[in-house]
Protein backbone atom coordinates (compact mmCIF):
# COMPACT_ATOMS: atom_id res chain seq x y z
CA UNK A 1 17.53 89.17 7.97
CA UNK A 2 15.59 90.44 5.11
CA UNK A 3 12.06 91.43 6.00
CA UNK A 4 10.93 92.22 2.47
CA UNK A 5 7.42 93.58 4.01
CA UNK A 6 5.10 95.19 1.62
CA UNK A 7 4.78 98.89 2.38
CA UNK A 8 1.55 99.92 4.07
CA UNK A 9 0.83 102.48 1.21
CA UNK A 10 1.04 99.67 -1.45
CA UNK A 11 -1.30 97.31 -0.02
CA UNK A 12 -2.58 97.45 3.56
CA UNK A 13 -4.14 93.93 3.63
CA UNK A 14 -0.91 92.23 2.39
CA UNK A 15 1.56 94.25 4.73
CA UNK A 16 -0.74 93.19 7.76
CA UNK A 17 -0.73 89.33 6.77
CA UNK A 18 3.05 89.64 5.72
CA UNK A 19 3.84 91.12 9.00
CA UNK A 20 1.78 88.79 11.32
CA UNK A 21 3.54 85.74 9.64
CA UNK A 22 7.20 87.39 9.66
CA UNK A 23 7.16 88.50 13.10
CA UNK A 24 6.60 85.17 14.09
CA UNK A 25 3.13 85.70 15.67
CA UNK A 26 0.76 83.11 13.93
CA UNK A 27 0.41 81.05 10.80
CA UNK A 28 -2.42 79.45 8.87
CA UNK A 29 -2.95 75.68 10.15
CA UNK A 30 -3.75 72.83 8.17
CA UNK A 31 -7.51 73.28 9.27
CA UNK A 32 -8.82 75.78 6.65
CA UNK A 33 -9.78 79.07 8.77
CA UNK A 34 -7.88 78.05 11.99
CA UNK A 35 -4.69 79.30 12.86
CA UNK A 36 -1.22 78.63 14.86
CA UNK A 37 -0.71 81.13 17.31
CA UNK A 38 3.27 80.81 17.75
CA UNK A 39 4.80 81.23 21.03
CA UNK A 40 5.90 84.94 20.48
CA UNK A 41 2.50 85.87 19.37
CA UNK A 42 1.22 83.75 22.15
CA UNK A 43 3.49 85.73 24.69
CA UNK A 44 1.43 89.03 23.85
CA UNK A 45 -1.84 87.42 24.42
CA UNK A 46 -0.70 86.17 27.71
CA UNK A 47 0.09 89.59 28.83
CA UNK A 48 -3.19 90.75 27.67
CA UNK A 49 -5.04 87.93 29.36
CA UNK A 50 -2.89 88.80 32.84
CA UNK A 51 -3.78 92.47 33.04
CA UNK A 52 -7.63 91.71 32.15
CA UNK A 53 -7.82 88.49 34.46
CA UNK A 54 -6.37 90.93 37.28
CA UNK A 55 -8.95 93.66 36.19
CA UNK A 56 -11.78 91.42 36.44
CA UNK A 57 -10.87 89.90 39.81
CA UNK A 58 -10.15 93.69 40.89
CA UNK A 59 -14.20 93.98 39.86
CA UNK A 60 -15.35 91.10 42.11
CA UNK A 61 -15.34 88.09 39.26
CA UNK A 62 -14.15 84.64 39.26
CA UNK A 63 -13.04 82.17 36.88
CA UNK A 64 -15.00 79.14 36.09
CA UNK A 65 -15.07 76.81 32.87
CA UNK A 66 -18.11 75.46 30.79
CA UNK A 67 -18.30 72.74 28.26
CA UNK A 68 -17.09 73.17 24.65
CA UNK A 69 -20.19 71.40 23.39
CA UNK A 70 -24.04 72.80 23.54
CA UNK A 71 -27.33 70.68 23.02
CA UNK A 72 -28.87 71.72 19.80
CA UNK A 73 -32.14 72.37 21.96
CA UNK A 74 -30.55 74.98 23.97
CA UNK A 75 -30.14 77.20 21.18
CA UNK A 76 -33.84 77.19 19.89
CA UNK A 77 -34.90 78.44 23.64
CA UNK A 78 -33.55 82.15 22.98
CA UNK A 79 -35.06 82.74 19.31
CA UNK A 80 -33.15 85.93 18.56
CA UNK A 81 -30.04 84.25 19.94
CA UNK A 82 -30.33 81.34 17.81
CA UNK A 83 -30.90 83.64 14.53
CA UNK A 84 -27.90 85.41 15.08
CA UNK A 85 -25.59 82.36 15.37
CA UNK A 86 -27.18 79.80 12.97
CA UNK A 87 -25.15 80.52 10.07
CA UNK A 88 -21.76 80.27 11.95
CA UNK A 89 -22.46 76.83 13.90
CA UNK A 90 -20.09 73.87 13.52
CA UNK A 91 -22.22 70.88 14.29
CA UNK A 92 -21.08 67.49 16.13
CA UNK A 93 -23.36 64.55 14.70
CA UNK A 94 -21.43 61.47 15.29
CA UNK A 95 -19.27 60.32 18.12
CA UNK A 96 -17.17 57.69 16.80
CA UNK A 97 -15.06 56.64 13.72
CA UNK A 98 -14.28 53.40 11.87
CA UNK A 99 -11.83 51.67 9.69
CA UNK A 100 -13.12 51.58 6.34
CA UNK A 101 -13.80 47.98 4.10
CA UNK A 102 -10.34 48.61 2.54
CA UNK A 103 -8.54 48.21 6.10
CA UNK A 104 -6.75 51.69 5.29
CA UNK A 105 -9.13 54.56 5.38
CA UNK A 106 -10.94 55.95 8.39
CA UNK A 107 -14.59 56.74 7.95
CA UNK A 108 -17.55 58.10 10.53
CA UNK A 109 -19.43 55.11 11.60
CA UNK A 110 -23.12 55.15 10.99
CA UNK A 111 -24.18 53.75 13.94
CA UNK A 112 -22.60 56.06 16.07
CA UNK A 113 -25.26 58.93 15.52
CA UNK A 114 -25.88 61.28 18.27
CA UNK A 115 -29.57 61.28 19.75
CA UNK A 116 -28.88 65.23 19.82
CA UNK A 117 -26.66 67.23 17.79
CA UNK A 118 -24.11 69.04 19.65
CA UNK A 119 -22.99 72.72 18.78
CA UNK A 120 -19.39 73.75 19.30
CA UNK A 121 -19.50 76.92 21.30
CA UNK A 122 -19.99 80.10 19.23
CA UNK A 123 -20.43 81.70 22.70
CA UNK A 124 -21.81 80.23 25.66
CA UNK A 125 -25.20 82.16 27.11
CA UNK A 126 -27.26 79.20 26.70
CA UNK A 127 -25.00 76.52 28.36
CA UNK A 128 -24.37 78.88 30.97
CA UNK A 129 -27.67 79.91 31.58
CA UNK A 130 -28.86 76.65 31.66
CA UNK A 131 -26.39 75.75 34.53
CA UNK A 132 -27.33 79.16 36.41
CA UNK A 133 -30.73 77.66 36.69
CA UNK A 134 -29.17 75.16 39.19
CA UNK A 135 -27.01 77.91 41.05
CA UNK A 136 -29.97 80.42 41.93
CA UNK A 137 -32.80 80.04 44.36
CA UNK A 138 -32.77 83.03 46.45
CA UNK A 139 -31.66 86.99 46.17
CA UNK A 140 -28.77 85.44 48.67
CA UNK A 141 -27.31 83.78 45.63
CA UNK A 142 -26.87 87.04 43.85
CA UNK A 143 -24.93 88.38 42.09
CA UNK A 144 -22.93 85.74 40.57
CA UNK A 145 -20.02 87.17 38.94
CA UNK A 146 -17.85 84.83 36.36
CA UNK A 147 -15.45 84.89 33.84
CA UNK A 148 -14.39 82.00 31.31
CA UNK A 149 -11.19 81.96 29.50
CA UNK A 150 -11.94 79.71 26.37
CA UNK A 151 -12.04 79.16 22.55
CA UNK A 152 -14.95 79.53 20.65
CA UNK A 153 -15.89 78.49 17.00
CA UNK A 154 -17.64 80.56 14.56
CA UNK A 155 -17.48 79.28 11.22
CA UNK A 156 -16.05 81.65 8.70
CA UNK A 157 -15.90 81.69 5.05
CA UNK A 158 -13.24 84.76 4.70
CA UNK A 159 -10.50 84.56 7.45
CA UNK A 160 -7.62 86.60 8.27
CA UNK A 161 -5.12 85.86 11.20
CA UNK A 162 -6.19 87.19 14.52
CA UNK A 163 -8.91 89.41 12.77
CA UNK A 164 -11.27 86.73 11.93
CA UNK A 165 -10.77 82.72 12.07
CA UNK A 166 -12.95 80.11 12.38
CA UNK A 167 -11.74 79.24 15.90
CA UNK A 168 -10.15 82.11 18.06
CA UNK A 169 -9.55 82.60 22.00
CA UNK A 170 -11.46 84.84 24.42
CA UNK A 171 -12.81 85.58 27.54
CA UNK A 172 -16.35 85.66 28.10
CA UNK A 173 -18.06 87.22 31.30
CA UNK A 174 -21.45 86.40 32.38
CA UNK A 175 -23.26 87.91 35.46
CA UNK A 176 -26.66 87.30 37.02
CA UNK A 177 -28.35 90.36 39.11
CA UNK A 178 -31.37 90.69 41.25
CA UNK A 179 -32.18 94.22 39.63
CA UNK A 180 -31.89 95.72 36.05
CA UNK A 181 -30.19 98.62 37.40
CA UNK A 182 -27.38 96.35 39.09
CA UNK A 183 -27.32 94.45 35.68
CA UNK A 184 -26.84 97.79 33.39
CA UNK A 185 -24.18 99.10 36.10
CA UNK A 186 -22.30 96.01 35.54
CA UNK A 187 -22.30 96.02 31.89
CA UNK A 188 -21.60 99.95 32.05
CA UNK A 189 -18.24 98.89 34.12
CA UNK A 190 -17.04 96.50 32.24
CA UNK A 191 -17.13 98.60 29.33
CA UNK A 192 -14.88 100.69 31.06
CA UNK A 193 -12.71 98.11 32.20
CA UNK A 194 -12.03 97.27 28.28
CA UNK A 195 -11.37 101.14 27.54
CA UNK A 196 -8.98 101.56 30.34
CA UNK A 197 -7.27 98.37 29.15
CA UNK A 198 -7.00 99.40 25.67
CA UNK A 199 -6.06 103.06 26.15
CA UNK A 200 -3.64 102.69 29.28
CA UNK A 201 -2.19 98.90 28.28
CA UNK A 202 -2.39 98.97 24.58
CA UNK A 203 -2.32 102.41 23.89
CA UNK A 204 -5.17 102.43 21.52
CA UNK A 205 -7.43 105.04 21.91
CA UNK A 206 -11.19 104.12 21.73
CA UNK A 207 -14.49 105.57 21.36
CA UNK A 208 -17.07 104.26 24.05
CA UNK A 209 -20.78 103.63 22.68
CA UNK A 210 -23.67 101.70 22.10
CA UNK A 211 -24.86 99.65 19.03
CA UNK A 212 -27.64 100.52 17.19
CA UNK A 213 -30.77 97.90 17.37
CA UNK A 214 -29.49 96.23 13.77
CA UNK A 215 -25.95 95.68 15.19
CA UNK A 216 -26.65 94.54 18.67
CA UNK A 217 -25.50 91.12 20.19
CA UNK A 218 -28.08 88.36 19.37
CA UNK A 219 -30.64 88.27 22.52
CA UNK A 220 -29.02 91.52 23.80
CA UNK A 221 -31.38 94.62 25.16
CA UNK A 222 -28.31 97.07 24.72
CA UNK A 223 -24.93 96.19 23.35
CA UNK A 224 -22.14 98.68 24.68
CA UNK A 225 -18.68 98.57 22.77
CA UNK A 226 -15.48 100.29 22.24
CA UNK A 227 -14.69 101.22 18.79
CA UNK A 228 -10.78 101.51 17.71
CA UNK A 229 -9.23 103.26 14.30
CA UNK A 230 -6.86 101.16 12.38
CA UNK A 231 -4.03 103.10 10.29
CA UNK A 232 -5.75 102.30 6.99
CA UNK A 233 -8.73 104.56 8.25
CA UNK A 234 -11.00 101.37 9.12
CA UNK A 235 -12.60 100.95 12.40
CA UNK A 236 -12.25 97.83 14.52
CA UNK A 237 -14.77 96.66 17.60
CA UNK A 238 -11.99 95.93 20.31
CA UNK A 239 -14.86 94.93 23.02
CA UNK A 240 -18.37 94.47 23.70
CA UNK A 241 -20.47 94.36 26.95
CA UNK A 242 -24.25 93.39 26.68
CA UNK A 243 -27.03 94.33 29.18
CA UNK A 244 -29.42 90.89 28.23
CA UNK A 245 -32.35 91.81 30.35
CA UNK A 246 -34.06 89.15 31.35
CA UNK A 247 -34.37 87.10 28.01
CA UNK A 248 -31.98 84.28 28.82
CA UNK A 249 -33.58 83.87 32.51
CA UNK A 250 -36.78 83.74 30.79
CA UNK A 251 -35.61 81.33 27.89
CA UNK A 252 -33.97 78.80 30.78
CA UNK A 253 -36.70 79.54 33.74
CA UNK A 254 -34.15 81.16 35.83
CA UNK A 255 -35.84 82.64 38.89
CA UNK A 256 -34.88 83.87 42.41
CA UNK A 257 -37.06 84.44 45.64
CA UNK A 258 -36.76 88.21 46.24
CA UNK A 259 -36.50 89.54 49.69
CA UNK A 260 -40.11 90.47 49.60
CA UNK A 261 -40.80 86.73 48.96
CA UNK A 262 -41.71 87.01 45.36
CA UNK A 263 -40.68 84.85 42.37
CA UNK A 264 -38.81 87.04 39.66
CA UNK A 265 -36.41 86.32 36.58
CA UNK A 266 -32.94 87.18 36.93
CA UNK A 267 -31.26 90.12 35.17
CA UNK A 268 -28.17 89.34 33.02
CA UNK A 269 -25.14 90.54 31.03
CA UNK A 270 -22.25 89.10 29.01
CA UNK A 271 -19.41 90.83 27.92
CA UNK A 272 -15.90 89.63 26.06
CA UNK A 273 -12.70 90.52 24.16
CA UNK A 274 -10.85 88.18 21.88
CA UNK A 275 -7.57 87.59 20.05
CA UNK A 276 -8.80 90.06 17.59
CA UNK A 277 -7.22 92.66 20.28
CA UNK A 278 -3.96 91.32 18.72
CA UNK A 279 -5.01 92.34 15.23
CA UNK A 280 -5.96 95.97 16.47
CA UNK A 281 -2.62 96.29 18.31
CA UNK A 282 -0.68 95.19 15.00
CA UNK A 283 -2.69 97.77 12.85
CA UNK A 284 -2.68 100.49 15.15
CA UNK A 285 1.09 100.87 16.05
CA UNK A 286 3.13 99.04 13.66
CA UNK A 287 4.99 100.40 10.56
CA UNK A 288 6.82 99.35 7.41
CA UNK A 289 9.81 98.22 9.19
CA UNK A 290 7.76 95.72 11.42
CA UNK A 291 6.03 95.34 14.38
CA UNK A 292 6.04 98.12 16.94
CA UNK A 293 4.71 97.06 20.54
CA UNK A 294 3.96 99.39 23.55
CA UNK A 295 6.01 98.19 26.30
CA UNK A 296 3.30 97.16 28.68
CA UNK A 297 2.81 94.38 26.20
CA UNK A 298 6.24 93.48 24.78
CA UNK A 299 7.17 89.99 26.02
CA UNK A 300 10.79 91.42 25.82
CA UNK A 301 10.94 95.06 26.52
CA UNK A 302 14.74 95.40 26.25
CA UNK A 303 17.23 93.51 24.12
CA UNK A 304 21.12 93.71 24.49
CA UNK A 305 22.92 93.26 21.73
CA UNK A 306 26.70 92.57 21.85
CA UNK A 307 29.05 93.87 19.44
CA UNK A 308 32.59 91.62 19.50
CA UNK A 309 35.28 90.12 17.75
CA UNK A 310 36.48 87.28 19.89
CA UNK A 311 35.59 85.39 23.23
CA UNK A 312 37.47 87.67 25.26
CA UNK A 313 35.43 90.84 24.43
CA UNK A 314 32.15 88.90 24.52
CA UNK A 315 33.20 87.72 28.34
CA UNK A 316 33.96 91.52 28.97
CA UNK A 317 30.27 92.64 28.03
CA UNK A 318 28.97 89.56 29.74
CA UNK A 319 30.30 90.80 32.86
CA UNK A 320 29.14 94.38 32.34
CA UNK A 321 25.59 93.48 30.97
CA UNK A 322 25.12 90.89 34.31
CA UNK A 323 25.26 94.67 36.25
CA UNK A 324 22.54 96.08 33.94
CA UNK A 325 19.98 92.84 34.08
CA UNK A 326 20.17 92.59 37.72
CA UNK A 327 18.69 95.86 37.80
CA UNK A 328 16.04 95.36 35.25
CA UNK A 329 15.15 91.99 37.12
CA UNK A 330 14.22 94.33 40.43
CA UNK A 331 12.47 96.38 38.38
CA UNK A 332 10.45 93.75 36.35
CA UNK A 333 11.32 94.83 33.26
CA UNK A 334 12.01 91.94 30.52
CA UNK A 335 14.84 91.50 28.90
CA UNK A 336 16.92 89.38 26.57
CA UNK A 337 20.74 89.46 26.08
CA UNK A 338 21.13 88.01 22.82
CA UNK A 339 24.86 86.46 22.92
CA UNK A 340 24.40 83.88 19.67
CA UNK A 341 27.54 83.75 17.87
CA UNK A 342 25.70 82.18 14.82
CA UNK A 343 24.23 85.80 13.90
CA UNK A 344 25.74 89.05 13.52
CA UNK A 345 24.74 92.02 15.21
CA UNK A 346 23.00 93.68 11.97
CA UNK A 347 20.88 90.59 11.51
CA UNK A 348 19.94 90.75 15.02
CA UNK A 349 18.88 94.59 15.04
CA UNK A 350 16.67 93.54 12.16
CA UNK A 351 15.23 90.96 13.68
CA UNK A 352 14.17 92.84 16.77
CA UNK A 353 13.24 95.77 14.81
CA UNK A 354 10.89 93.50 12.69
CA UNK A 355 9.41 91.80 16.06
CA UNK A 356 8.76 95.20 17.75
CA UNK A 357 10.94 95.05 20.79
CA UNK A 358 10.68 98.71 22.37
CA UNK A 359 14.29 99.35 23.45
CA UNK A 360 17.56 97.93 22.03
CA UNK A 361 21.06 98.56 23.88
CA UNK A 362 24.21 97.82 21.55
CA UNK A 363 27.57 97.38 23.73
CA UNK A 364 31.17 96.80 21.91
CA UNK A 365 34.75 97.07 23.37
CA UNK A 366 34.52 101.09 22.64
CA UNK A 367 31.50 101.27 24.80
CA UNK A 368 33.17 99.72 27.60
CA UNK A 369 35.98 101.75 27.26
CA UNK A 370 33.96 105.16 27.08
CA UNK A 371 31.40 104.05 29.70
CA UNK A 372 28.59 104.70 27.47
CA UNK A 373 26.08 102.44 25.65
CA UNK A 374 23.94 103.01 22.37
CA UNK A 375 20.32 102.77 23.33
CA UNK A 376 17.59 102.53 19.99
CA UNK A 377 14.01 103.13 20.39
CA UNK A 378 11.69 101.06 18.10
CA UNK A 379 8.99 103.38 17.90
CA UNK A 380 10.71 106.39 16.57
CA UNK A 381 14.01 104.44 15.24
CA UNK A 382 16.08 106.87 17.00
CA UNK A 383 19.40 106.20 18.72
CA UNK A 384 21.08 107.98 21.94
CA UNK A 385 24.34 107.67 23.53
CA UNK A 386 23.62 107.10 27.26
CA UNK A 387 26.23 106.90 30.19
CA UNK A 388 26.42 103.42 31.70
CA UNK A 389 25.69 104.96 35.44
CA UNK A 390 22.27 105.93 34.82
CA UNK A 391 21.51 103.41 31.88
CA UNK A 392 18.55 101.48 34.16
CA UNK A 393 16.53 104.66 35.24
CA UNK A 394 17.00 105.86 31.51
CA UNK A 395 15.59 102.68 30.18
CA UNK A 396 12.84 102.80 32.82
CA UNK A 397 11.83 106.42 31.79
CA UNK A 398 12.19 105.57 28.37
CA UNK A 399 9.57 102.73 28.55
CA UNK A 400 7.04 104.91 29.75
CA UNK A 401 7.85 107.42 27.24
CA UNK A 402 7.48 105.12 24.57
CA UNK A 403 3.93 103.98 26.15
CA UNK A 404 2.61 107.42 26.18
CA UNK A 405 4.03 108.84 22.46
CA UNK A 406 2.69 105.52 21.09
CA UNK A 407 -0.92 106.39 22.77
CA UNK A 408 -0.70 110.24 21.55
CA UNK A 409 0.29 109.39 18.11
CA UNK A 410 -2.81 106.83 17.98
CA UNK A 411 -5.04 109.71 19.34
CA UNK A 412 -3.91 112.34 16.93
CA UNK A 413 -4.54 110.08 14.00
CA UNK A 414 -7.67 109.41 15.07
CA UNK A 415 -9.01 112.88 16.13
CA UNK A 416 -7.61 114.15 12.65
CA UNK A 417 -10.00 111.17 11.28
CA UNK A 418 -13.17 112.08 12.63
CA UNK A 419 -14.90 114.58 10.28
CA UNK A 420 -18.38 115.54 10.85
CA UNK A 421 -20.70 115.86 7.29
CA UNK A 422 -23.99 117.15 6.76
CA UNK A 423 -25.19 115.48 3.38
CA UNK A 424 -24.83 112.34 1.63
CA UNK A 425 -22.50 113.51 -0.95
CA UNK A 426 -20.05 114.97 1.36
CA UNK A 427 -20.36 111.33 3.28
CA UNK A 428 -19.41 109.57 0.30
CA UNK A 429 -16.41 112.02 -0.57
CA UNK A 430 -14.81 111.44 2.78
CA UNK A 431 -15.35 107.93 3.19
CA UNK A 432 -13.73 107.42 -0.12
CA UNK A 433 -10.85 110.03 -0.02
CA UNK A 434 -10.18 110.21 3.66
CA UNK A 435 -11.45 107.11 5.73
CA UNK A 436 -11.89 107.24 9.28
CA UNK A 437 -15.00 108.02 11.48
CA UNK A 438 -17.83 109.83 10.03
CA UNK A 439 -20.04 111.80 12.29
CA UNK A 440 -23.57 112.03 10.61
CA UNK A 441 -27.07 112.64 11.36
CA UNK A 442 -29.30 109.30 11.07
CA UNK A 443 -33.13 109.19 11.15
CA UNK A 444 -32.73 106.31 13.74
CA UNK A 445 -34.45 103.36 11.46
CA UNK A 446 -32.85 100.15 10.17
CA UNK A 447 -33.77 100.56 6.59
CA UNK A 448 -32.19 103.91 6.59
CA UNK A 449 -28.77 102.12 8.17
CA UNK A 450 -29.12 99.34 5.73
CA UNK A 451 -29.40 101.33 2.70
CA UNK A 452 -26.35 103.43 3.70
CA UNK A 453 -24.25 100.12 4.57
CA UNK A 454 -25.70 98.60 1.09
CA UNK A 455 -24.39 102.08 -0.79
CA UNK A 456 -21.24 102.45 0.73
CA UNK A 457 -20.39 99.28 2.65
CA UNK A 458 -19.96 101.80 5.87
CA UNK A 459 -21.97 100.64 8.98
CA UNK A 460 -22.79 102.88 12.11
CA UNK A 461 -19.87 101.96 14.49
CA UNK A 462 -21.41 103.13 17.63
CA UNK A 463 -24.07 105.80 19.11
CA UNK A 464 -21.26 107.85 21.34
CA UNK A 465 -21.90 107.67 25.00
CA UNK A 466 -20.80 111.24 25.08
CA UNK A 467 -22.71 112.50 22.16
CA UNK A 468 -24.45 116.08 22.64
CA UNK A 469 -28.01 116.12 22.02
CA UNK A 470 -28.76 118.16 18.64
CA UNK A 471 -31.49 118.52 16.14
CA UNK A 472 -30.39 117.68 12.55
CA UNK A 473 -31.25 116.07 9.33
CA UNK A 474 -30.57 112.46 8.20
CA UNK A 475 -27.91 112.64 5.73
CA UNK A 476 -29.85 110.05 3.67
CA UNK A 477 -33.45 110.46 4.16
CA UNK A 478 -33.64 114.44 5.38
CA UNK A 479 -36.13 113.05 8.32
CA UNK A 480 -35.02 114.42 11.62
CA UNK A 481 -32.30 113.29 13.64
CA UNK A 482 -31.64 113.93 17.42
CA UNK A 483 -27.87 113.44 17.20
CA UNK A 484 -25.01 112.06 15.35
CA UNK A 485 -23.70 108.84 15.25
CA UNK A 486 -20.22 107.17 13.89
CA UNK A 487 -20.28 105.84 10.53
CA UNK A 488 -17.04 103.77 9.08
CA UNK A 489 -15.78 101.11 7.02
CA UNK A 490 -14.82 98.28 9.18
CA UNK A 491 -12.80 95.19 10.22
């Protein structure tokens, strides 16, 4: 199996696109801007989904489902929200097709025009808050803690598999609260859930922060985010959590009777992550040989490849493998015994290296005689000879080691690529020559933020939650600043 993947140093973008396709994760579909997520890629998404869903339920949330179609009038109720999504909306105008006059072609029936156009869901705040109006009457009905797993459509002109497609998969949480304090605490809690998932499950270090006014979610009072750094020095927003205040409650007239008997508007949050995380996973860990997966997300954590010349040897290997796999099952370690005779061992090694399987075990007749197996790890491409008596406990420890090694490697890269600068010339030099996060003073104005973006294509990724308050001067205008923010070029 020939990989022929472009090297990251030659063309990072091409490397990424080729890897997604050749590792069997996804491919472009017949619908422009939309992708087909293949079984191997979807298996990784399912693992992400399962872990996140577990975390959501542990924090008291329940899953529900809301319509894909949203009446156009709903969007006009929250002005800043519609402004934020207007250019990305797909609109349904008719409800029927008919056969053309030639009896062969299909055309839209002009007599089947909808009375009101329907927007294909770009996000669900409007349809959900119209629904919550019917659910909420009293403080006793609060809080509502609901999550939805769904697909959304945001019409994109430039697309890239997983990172930016017209249709993508995600989850969106939408909660309703009696007080501002509860809603803010919810938004912060979910940010922490995302950060914990990214770091401990995906092995991706993230910076927790909040967005500038210019970068906030449309209709939010505050947008919290986790930002990750990819191997090419560009940032990627890996998750967001929004404190919506009472904006949507006022737009959809969602009130409740408080304990004091007063009519008050509900406080809201929304939060989400998407299949964009697949892109983050690939670009954080993978190498020129293919995909590198942290064990927690690998559909196959261990692959066992037999090396044999005849059926008798294969049968003897099978018997030994069964003893290993029986133990792996008990430890919930996923595995594959690839005993296909249609491919040679070298081809299989290449395939599983490309697909990022964390651990590979090769077993041949000599290994059976010696009571040892060759164990290869994908992250370092190193091999060890391991005695068969301790093979399973060795694998269990090795998987944990690979998980932490991948995180520490990504953390070191990020720490090495956070650079403090104090002038605009220094800012441009670091951006061009080194990349990564640039920690710099900013005067707090939208005008300056937009001017820096116009001049350099770098944006303020976040104002770190743990930043130190310090007096300084904006790198562009020289005006006073109260603290540093993180800039970067981004996906």
